[in-house]
PDB file of N, CA and C in Angstrom:
ATOM      1  N   MET A   1    -114.681 -98.830 -38.534  1.00  0.00           N
ATOM      2  CA  MET A   1    -113.284 -99.004 -38.442  1.00  0.00           C
ATOM      3  C   MET A   1    -112.577 -97.540 -38.478  1.00  0.00           C
ATOM      4  N   LYS A   2    -111.970 -97.133 -37.477  1.00  0.00           N
ATOM      5  CA  LYS A   2    -111.269 -95.884 -37.579  1.00  0.00           C
ATOM      6  C   LYS A   2    -109.800 -95.932 -37.496  1.00  0.00           C
ATOM      7  N   ARG A   3    -109.123 -95.193 -38.202  1.00  0.00           N
ATOM      8  CA  ARG A   3    -107.739 -95.275 -38.128  1.00  0.00           C
ATOM      9  C   ARG A   3    -107.264 -93.845 -38.002  1.00  0.00           C
ATOM     10  N   LYS A   4    -106.145 -93.646 -37.213  1.00  0.00           N
ATOM     11  CA  LYS A   4    -105.613 -92.341 -36.994  1.00  0.00           C
ATOM     12  C   LYS A   4    -104.922 -91.759 -38.240  1.00  0.00           C
ATOM     13  N   MET A   5    -105.083 -90.451 -38.479  1.00  0.00           N
ATOM     14  CA  MET A   5    -104.529 -89.885 -39.628  1.00  0.00           C
ATOM     15  C   MET A   5    -102.893 -89.698 -39.256  1.00  0.00           C
ATOM     16  N   ALA A   6    -102.109 -89.928 -40.285  1.00  0.00           N
ATOM     17  CA  ALA A   6    -100.719 -89.709 -40.091  1.00  0.00           C
ATOM     18  C   ALA A   6    -100.436 -88.225 -40.100  1.00  0.00           C
ATOM     19  N   GLU A   7     -99.415 -87.971 -39.219  1.00  0.00           N
ATOM     20  CA  GLU A   7     -99.051 -86.582 -39.063  1.00  0.00           C
ATOM     21  C   GLU A   7     -98.658 -86.066 -40.245  1.00  0.00           C
ATOM     22  N   GLY A   8     -99.068 -84.699 -40.513  1.00  0.00           N
ATOM     23  CA  GLY A   8     -98.696 -84.116 -41.644  1.00  0.00           C
ATOM     24  C   GLY A   8     -99.379 -84.539 -42.895  1.00  0.00           C
ATOM     25  N   SER A   9    -100.085 -85.553 -42.751  1.00  0.00           N
ATOM     26  CA  SER A   9    -100.853 -86.138 -43.983  1.00  0.00           C
ATOM     27  C   SER A   9    -102.176 -85.278 -44.270  1.00  0.00           C
ATOM     28  N   LYS A  10    -102.312 -85.081 -45.688  1.00  0.00           N
ATOM     29  CA  LYS A  10    -103.452 -84.242 -46.160  1.00  0.00           C
ATOM     30  C   LYS A  10    -104.786 -85.193 -46.372  1.00  0.00           C
ATOM     31  N   THR A  11    -104.368 -86.448 -46.326  1.00  0.00           N
ATOM     32  CA  THR A  11    -105.422 -87.560 -46.498  1.00  0.00           C
ATOM     33  C   THR A  11    -106.213 -87.765 -45.177  1.00  0.00           C
ATOM     34  N   ARG A  12    -107.434 -88.405 -45.323  1.00  0.00           N
ATOM     35  CA  ARG A  12    -108.154 -88.701 -44.114  1.00  0.00           C
ATOM     36  C   ARG A  12    -107.796 -89.954 -43.602  1.00  0.00           C
ATOM     37  N   ILE A  13    -107.191 -90.901 -44.260  1.00  0.00           N
ATOM     38  CA  ILE A  13    -106.926 -92.237 -43.837  1.00  0.00           C
ATOM     39  C   ILE A  13    -105.410 -92.352 -43.737  1.00  0.00           C
ATOM     40  N   ALA A  14    -105.175 -93.098 -42.688  1.00  0.00           N
ATOM     41  CA  ALA A  14    -103.605 -93.208 -42.474  1.00  0.00           C
ATOM     42  C   ALA A  14    -103.014 -94.346 -43.344  1.00  0.00           C
ATOM     43  N   PRO A  15    -101.842 -94.224 -43.708  1.00  0.00           N
ATOM     44  CA  PRO A  15    -101.173 -95.211 -44.459  1.00  0.00           C
ATOM     45  C   PRO A  15    -101.407 -96.589 -43.942  1.00  0.00           C
ATOM     46  N   LEU A  16    -101.487 -97.506 -44.839  1.00  0.00           N
ATOM     47  CA  LEU A  16    -101.646 -98.960 -44.431  1.00  0.00           C
ATOM     48  C   LEU A  16    -100.257 -99.741 -44.693  1.00  0.00           C
ATOM     49  N   VAL A  17    -100.151-100.826 -43.842  1.00  0.00           N
ATOM     50  CA  VAL A  17     -99.009-101.734 -43.939  1.00  0.00           C
ATOM     51  C   VAL A  17     -99.399-102.837 -44.856  1.00  0.00           C
ATOM     52  N   ARG A  18     -98.858-103.422 -45.788  1.00  0.00           N
ATOM     53  CA  ARG A  18     -99.280-104.593 -46.611  1.00  0.00           C
ATOM     54  C   ARG A  18     -98.872-105.913 -45.882  1.00  0.00           C
ATOM     55  N   ALA A  19     -99.699-106.894 -45.809  1.00  0.00           N
ATOM     56  CA  ALA A  19     -99.278-108.164 -45.268  1.00  0.00           C
ATOM     57  C   ALA A  19     -99.779-109.240 -46.261  1.00  0.00           C
ATOM     58  N   SER A  20     -99.054-110.145 -46.365  1.00  0.00           N
ATOM     59  CA  SER A  20     -99.421-111.392 -47.129  1.00  0.00           C
ATOM     60  C   SER A  20     -99.907-112.646 -46.096  1.00  0.00           C
ATOM     61  N   ILE A  21    -101.187-112.928 -46.210  1.00  0.00           N
ATOM     62  CA  ILE A  21    -101.670-113.824 -45.222  1.00  0.00           C
ATOM     63  C   ILE A  21    -102.361-115.093 -45.961  1.00  0.00           C
ATOM     64  N   SER A  22    -102.087-116.286 -45.432  1.00  0.00           N
ATOM     65  CA  SER A  22    -102.610-117.529 -46.110  1.00  0.00           C
ATOM     66  C   SER A  22    -103.847-118.027 -45.270  1.00  0.00           C
ATOM     67  N   PHE A  23    -104.752-118.491 -46.032  1.00  0.00           N
ATOM     68  CA  PHE A  23    -106.092-118.981 -45.223  1.00  0.00           C
ATOM     69  C   PHE A  23    -106.392-120.293 -45.839  1.00  0.00           C
ATOM     70  N   PRO A  24    -106.928-121.221 -44.977  1.00  0.00           N
ATOM     71  CA  PRO A  24    -107.480-122.541 -45.638  1.00  0.00           C
ATOM     72  C   PRO A  24    -108.486-122.035 -46.664  1.00  0.00           C
ATOM     73  N   PRO A  25    -108.616-122.925 -47.674  1.00  0.00           N
ATOM     74  CA  PRO A  25    -109.610-122.579 -48.760  1.00  0.00           C
ATOM     75  C   PRO A  25    -111.186-122.325 -48.276  1.00  0.00           C
ATOM     76  N   ASP A  26    -111.461-123.044 -47.321  1.00  0.00           N
ATOM     77  CA  ASP A  26    -112.905-122.942 -46.823  1.00  0.00           C
ATOM     78  C   ASP A  26    -113.101-121.644 -46.145  1.00  0.00           C
ATOM     79  N   LEU A  27    -112.042-121.117 -45.392  1.00  0.00           N
ATOM     80  CA  LEU A  27    -112.172-119.899 -44.681  1.00  0.00           C
ATOM     81  C   LEU A  27    -112.015-118.705 -45.725  1.00  0.00           C
ATOM     82  N   TYR A  28    -111.185-118.868 -46.688  1.00  0.00           N
ATOM     83  CA  TYR A  28    -111.078-117.895 -47.678  1.00  0.00           C
ATOM     84  C   TYR A  28    -112.405-117.584 -48.460  1.00  0.00           C
ATOM     85  N   GLN A  29    -113.007-118.738 -48.783  1.00  0.00           N
ATOM     86  CA  GLN A  29    -114.330-118.810 -49.533  1.00  0.00           C
ATOM     87  C   GLN A  29    -115.250-117.947 -48.620  1.00  0.00           C
ATOM     88  N   THR A  30    -115.342-118.201 -47.388  1.00  0.00           N
ATOM     89  CA  THR A  30    -116.353-117.574 -46.431  1.00  0.00           C
ATOM     90  C   THR A  30    -116.174-116.046 -46.402  1.00  0.00           C
ATOM     91  N   LEU A  31    -114.842-115.684 -46.286  1.00  0.00           N
ATOM     92  CA  LEU A  31    -114.408-114.320 -46.240  1.00  0.00           C
ATOM     93  C   LEU A  31    -114.827-113.646 -47.500  1.00  0.00           C
ATOM     94  N   GLU A  32    -114.575-114.206 -48.678  1.00  0.00           N
ATOM     95  CA  GLU A  32    -115.154-113.679 -49.943  1.00  0.00           C
ATOM     96  C   GLU A  32    -116.574-113.586 -49.999  1.00  0.00           C
ATOM     97  N   GLU A  33    -117.390-114.399 -49.536  1.00  0.00           N
ATOM     98  CA  GLU A  33    -118.794-114.515 -49.393  1.00  0.00           C
ATOM     99  C   GLU A  33    -119.215-113.313 -48.520  1.00  0.00           C
ATOM    100  N   ILE A  34    -118.669-113.173 -47.438  1.00  0.00           N
ATOM    101  CA  ILE A  34    -118.949-111.908 -46.621  1.00  0.00           C
ATOM    102  C   ILE A  34    -118.730-110.613 -47.186  1.00  0.00           C
ATOM    103  N   ALA A  35    -117.578-110.578 -47.860  1.00  0.00           N
ATOM    104  CA  ALA A  35    -117.322-109.347 -48.531  1.00  0.00           C
ATOM    105  C   ALA A  35    -118.247-109.115 -49.771  1.00  0.00           C
ATOM    106  N   LYS A  36    -118.736-109.961 -50.459  1.00  0.00           N
ATOM    107  CA  LYS A  36    -119.680-109.898 -51.590  1.00  0.00           C
ATOM    108  C   LYS A  36    -121.023-109.456 -51.069  1.00  0.00           C
ATOM    109  N   GLU A  37    -121.489-109.957 -49.847  1.00  0.00           N
ATOM    110  CA  GLU A  37    -122.719-109.639 -49.349  1.00  0.00           C
ATOM    111  C   GLU A  37    -122.658-108.184 -48.825  1.00  0.00           C
ATOM    112  N   LYS A  38    -121.680-107.682 -48.235  1.00  0.00           N
ATOM    113  CA  LYS A  38    -121.563-106.412 -47.622  1.00  0.00           C
ATOM    114  C   LYS A  38    -121.070-105.424 -48.584  1.00  0.00           C
ATOM    115  N   LYS A  39    -120.799-105.924 -49.955  1.00  0.00           N
ATOM    116  CA  LYS A  39    -120.250-105.029 -50.985  1.00  0.00           C
ATOM    117  C   LYS A  39    -118.902-104.247 -50.631  1.00  0.00           C
ATOM    118  N   VAL A  40    -118.088-104.964 -49.967  1.00  0.00           N
ATOM    119  CA  VAL A  40    -116.827-104.283 -49.517  1.00  0.00           C
ATOM    120  C   VAL A  40    -115.849-105.243 -50.192  1.00  0.00           C
ATOM    121  N   SER A  41    -114.537-104.876 -49.932  1.00  0.00           N
ATOM    122  CA  SER A  41    -113.364-105.724 -50.302  1.00  0.00           C
ATOM    123  C   SER A  41    -113.061-106.708 -49.259  1.00  0.00           C
ATOM    124  N   LEU A  42    -112.476-107.889 -49.677  1.00  0.00           N
ATOM    125  CA  LEU A  42    -112.056-108.864 -48.767  1.00  0.00           C
ATOM    126  C   LEU A  42    -111.012-108.321 -47.717  1.00  0.00           C
ATOM    127  N   ALA A  43    -110.130-107.463 -48.103  1.00  0.00           N
ATOM    128  CA  ALA A  43    -109.310-106.835 -47.285  1.00  0.00           C
ATOM    129  C   ALA A  43    -110.032-106.033 -46.082  1.00  0.00           C
ATOM    130  N   TRP A  44    -111.051-105.449 -46.386  1.00  0.00           N
ATOM    131  CA  TRP A  44    -111.931-104.704 -45.323  1.00  0.00           C
ATOM    132  C   TRP A  44    -112.520-105.459 -44.368  1.00  0.00           C
ATOM    133  N   VAL A  45    -112.965-106.692 -44.865  1.00  0.00           N
ATOM    134  CA  VAL A  45    -113.489-107.773 -43.944  1.00  0.00           C
ATOM    135  C   VAL A  45    -112.515-108.222 -42.930  1.00  0.00           C
ATOM    136  N   VAL A  46    -111.353-108.606 -43.409  1.00  0.00           N
ATOM    137  CA  VAL A  46    -110.154-109.115 -42.593  1.00  0.00           C
ATOM    138  C   VAL A  46    -109.746-107.905 -41.751  1.00  0.00           C
ATOM    139  N   ARG A  47    -109.614-106.648 -42.069  1.00  0.00           N
ATOM    140  CA  ARG A  47    -109.227-105.687 -41.329  1.00  0.00           C
ATOM    141  C   ARG A  47    -110.262-105.534 -40.105  1.00  0.00           C
ATOM    142  N   ASP A  48    -111.640-105.461 -40.586  1.00  0.00           N
ATOM    143  CA  ASP A  48    -112.632-105.397 -39.619  1.00  0.00           C
ATOM    144  C   ASP A  48    -112.600-106.445 -38.480  1.00  0.00           C
ATOM    145  N   ALA A  49    -112.456-107.828 -38.968  1.00  0.00           N
ATOM    146  CA  ALA A  49    -112.306-108.876 -38.139  1.00  0.00           C
ATOM    147  C   ALA A  49    -111.123-108.774 -37.094  1.00  0.00           C
ATOM    148  N   ALA A  50    -109.985-108.396 -37.529  1.00  0.00           N
ATOM    149  CA  ALA A  50    -108.791-108.156 -36.822  1.00  0.00           C
ATOM    150  C   ALA A  50    -109.054-107.067 -35.772  1.00  0.00           C
ATOM    151  N   GLU A  51    -109.686-105.923 -36.191  1.00  0.00           N
ATOM    152  CA  GLU A  51    -109.946-105.010 -35.151  1.00  0.00           C
ATOM    153  C   GLU A  51    -110.911-105.350 -34.088  1.00  0.00           C
ATOM    154  N   LYS A  52    -111.859-106.207 -34.511  1.00  0.00           N
ATOM    155  CA  LYS A  52    -112.984-106.682 -33.419  1.00  0.00           C
ATOM    156  C   LYS A  52    -112.121-107.774 -32.502  1.00  0.00           C
ATOM    157  N   TYR A  53    -111.386-108.619 -33.152  1.00  0.00           N
ATOM    158  CA  TYR A  53    -110.607-109.406 -32.217  1.00  0.00           C
ATOM    159  C   TYR A  53    -109.687-108.788 -31.160  1.00  0.00           C
ATOM    160  N   ILE A  54    -108.985-107.769 -31.834  1.00  0.00           N
ATOM    161  CA  ILE A  54    -108.091-107.013 -30.682  1.00  0.00           C
ATOM    162  C   ILE A  54    -108.954-106.325 -29.770  1.00  0.00           C
ATOM    163  N   ALA A  55    -110.093-105.603 -30.057  1.00  0.00           N
ATOM    164  CA  ALA A  55    -110.918-105.039 -28.971  1.00  0.00           C
ATOM    165  C   ALA A  55    -111.433-106.141 -28.064  1.00  0.00           C
ATOM    166  N   SER A  56    -111.793-107.320 -28.554  1.00  0.00           N
ATOM    167  CA  SER A  56    -112.230-108.315 -27.639  1.00  0.00           C
ATOM    168  C   SER A  56    -111.099-108.792 -26.661  1.00  0.00           C
ATOM    169  N   GLU A  57    -110.058-108.964 -27.150  1.00  0.00           N
ATOM    170  CA  GLU A  57    -108.844-109.295 -26.374  1.00  0.00           C
ATOM    171  C   GLU A  57    -108.515-108.273 -25.241  1.00  0.00           C
ATOM    172  N   ALA A  58    -108.699-106.979 -25.634  1.00  0.00           N
ATOM    173  CA  ALA A  58    -108.506-105.844 -24.764  1.00  0.00           C
ATOM    174  C   ALA A  58    -109.462-105.801 -23.544  1.00  0.00           C
ATOM    175  N   LYS A  59    -110.768-106.174 -23.974  1.00  0.00           N
ATOM    176  CA  LYS A  59    -111.931-106.162 -23.165  1.00  0.00           C
ATOM    177  C   LYS A  59    -111.695-107.418 -22.178  1.00  0.00           C
ATOM    178  N   ASP A  60    -111.044-108.417 -22.554  1.00  0.00           N
ATOM    179  CA  ASP A  60    -110.865-109.482 -21.661  1.00  0.00           C
ATOM    180  C   ASP A  60    -109.595-109.430 -20.805  1.00  0.00           C
ATOM    181  N   GLY A  61    -109.016-108.366 -20.947  1.00  0.00           N
ATOM    182  CA  GLY A  61    -107.715-108.185 -20.163  1.00  0.00           C
ATOM    183  C   GLY A  61    -106.448-108.897 -20.719  1.00  0.00           C
ATOM    184  N   ARG A  62    -106.598-109.295 -22.056  1.00  0.00           N
ATOM    185  CA  ARG A  62    -105.258-110.007 -22.507  1.00  0.00           C
ATOM    186  C   ARG A  62    -104.713-109.173 -23.601  1.00  0.00           C
ATOM    187  N   GLU A  63    -104.781-107.908 -23.577  1.00  0.00           N
ATOM    188  CA  GLU A  63    -103.986-107.012 -24.538  1.00  0.00           C
ATOM    189  C   GLU A  63    -102.554-107.131 -24.401  1.00  0.00           C
ATOM    190  N   GLY A  64    -101.878-107.343 -25.475  1.00  0.00           N
ATOM    191  CA  GLY A  64    -100.363-107.411 -25.439  1.00  0.00           C
ATOM    192  C   GLY A  64     -99.899-108.743 -24.926  1.00  0.00           C
ATOM    193  N   ARG A  65    -100.683-109.694 -24.640  1.00  0.00           N
ATOM    194  CA  ARG A  65    -100.140-111.019 -24.194  1.00  0.00           C
ATOM    195  C   ARG A  65    -100.716-112.076 -25.204  1.00  0.00           C
ATOM    196  N   PRO A  66     -99.808-112.649 -25.857  1.00  0.00           N
ATOM    197  CA  PRO A  66    -100.260-113.835 -26.659  1.00  0.00           C
ATOM    198  C   PRO A  66    -100.782-114.950 -25.781  1.00  0.00           C
ATOM    199  N   PRO A  67    -101.826-115.710 -26.322  1.00  0.00           N
ATOM    200  CA  PRO A  67    -102.207-116.971 -25.536  1.00  0.00           C
ATOM    201  C   PRO A  67    -101.048-117.981 -25.379  1.00  0.00           C
ATOM    202  N   ASP A  68    -101.115-118.634 -24.201  1.00  0.00           N
ATOM    203  CA  ASP A  68    -100.045-119.703 -24.099  1.00  0.00           C
ATOM    204  C   ASP A  68    -100.353-120.752 -25.063  1.00  0.00           C
ATOM    205  N   SER A  69     -99.307-121.708 -25.114  1.00  0.00           N
ATOM    206  CA  SER A  69     -99.399-122.761 -26.251  1.00  0.00           C
ATOM    207  C   SER A  69    -100.549-123.685 -26.008  1.00  0.00           C
ATOM    208  N   ARG A  70    -100.924-123.973 -24.826  1.00  0.00           N
ATOM    209  CA  ARG A  70    -102.101-124.727 -24.539  1.00  0.00           C
ATOM    210  C   ARG A  70    -103.430-124.252 -25.140  1.00  0.00           C
ATOM    211  N   GLN A  71    -103.617-122.999 -25.006  1.00  0.00           N
ATOM    212  CA  GLN A  71    -104.686-122.333 -25.550  1.00  0.00           C
ATOM    213  C   GLN A  71    -104.775-122.361 -27.017  1.00  0.00           C
ATOM    214  N   ARG A  72    -103.639-122.087 -27.621  1.00  0.00           N
ATOM    215  CA  ARG A  72    -103.437-122.133 -29.162  1.00  0.00           C
ATOM    216  C   ARG A  72    -103.835-123.645 -29.620  1.00  0.00           C
ATOM    217  N   SER A  73    -103.267-124.604 -28.882  1.00  0.00           N
ATOM    218  CA  SER A  73    -103.581-125.999 -29.270  1.00  0.00           C
ATOM    219  C   SER A  73    -105.057-126.356 -29.167  1.00  0.00           C
ATOM    220  N   ALA A  74    -105.662-125.799 -28.123  1.00  0.00           N
ATOM    221  CA  ALA A  74    -106.964-126.133 -27.833  1.00  0.00           C
ATOM    222  C   ALA A  74    -108.017-125.496 -28.842  1.00  0.00           C
ATOM    223  N   ARG A  75    -107.517-124.229 -29.296  1.00  0.00           N
ATOM    224  CA  ARG A  75    -108.275-123.599 -30.410  1.00  0.00           C
ATOM    225  C   ARG A  75    -108.246-124.325 -31.690  1.00  0.00           C
ATOM    226  N   ARG A  76    -107.073-124.837 -31.989  1.00  0.00           N
ATOM    227  CA  ARG A  76    -106.881-125.572 -33.311  1.00  0.00           C
ATOM    228  C   ARG A  76    -107.604-126.855 -33.179  1.00  0.00           C
ATOM    229  N   THR A  77    -107.622-127.550 -32.142  1.00  0.00           N
ATOM    230  CA  THR A  77    -108.354-128.812 -32.032  1.00  0.00           C
ATOM    231  C   THR A  77    -110.024-128.648 -32.013  1.00  0.00           C
ATOM    232  N   ALA A  78    -110.415-127.421 -31.529  1.00  0.00           N
ATOM    233  CA  ALA A  78    -111.779-127.195 -31.510  1.00  0.00           C
ATOM    234  C   ALA A  78    -112.356-126.861 -32.789  1.00  0.00           C
ATOM    235  N   ARG A  79    -111.521-126.427 -33.745  1.00  0.00           N
ATOM    236  CA  ARG A  79    -111.977-126.247 -35.216  1.00  0.00           C
ATOM    237  C   ARG A  79    -112.339-127.395 -35.876  1.00  0.00           C
TER     238      ARG A  79
END
């Protein structure tokens, strides 16, 4: 995971934006298990997954376009 350095910043990591996200309990538990296995924070696992998702969307030509409502419904149903 690479982030651009903020202009004029003396640190190597760009500032982060804090977000509050809710997960179903089973998904949260899985994320915690992955973090423990990799010896990283849960936040790192979520950031890594988000970056991979965005890269995948860009590769599929969907960058900047949210899926239409039928796709979202199909994804929810498939879970």
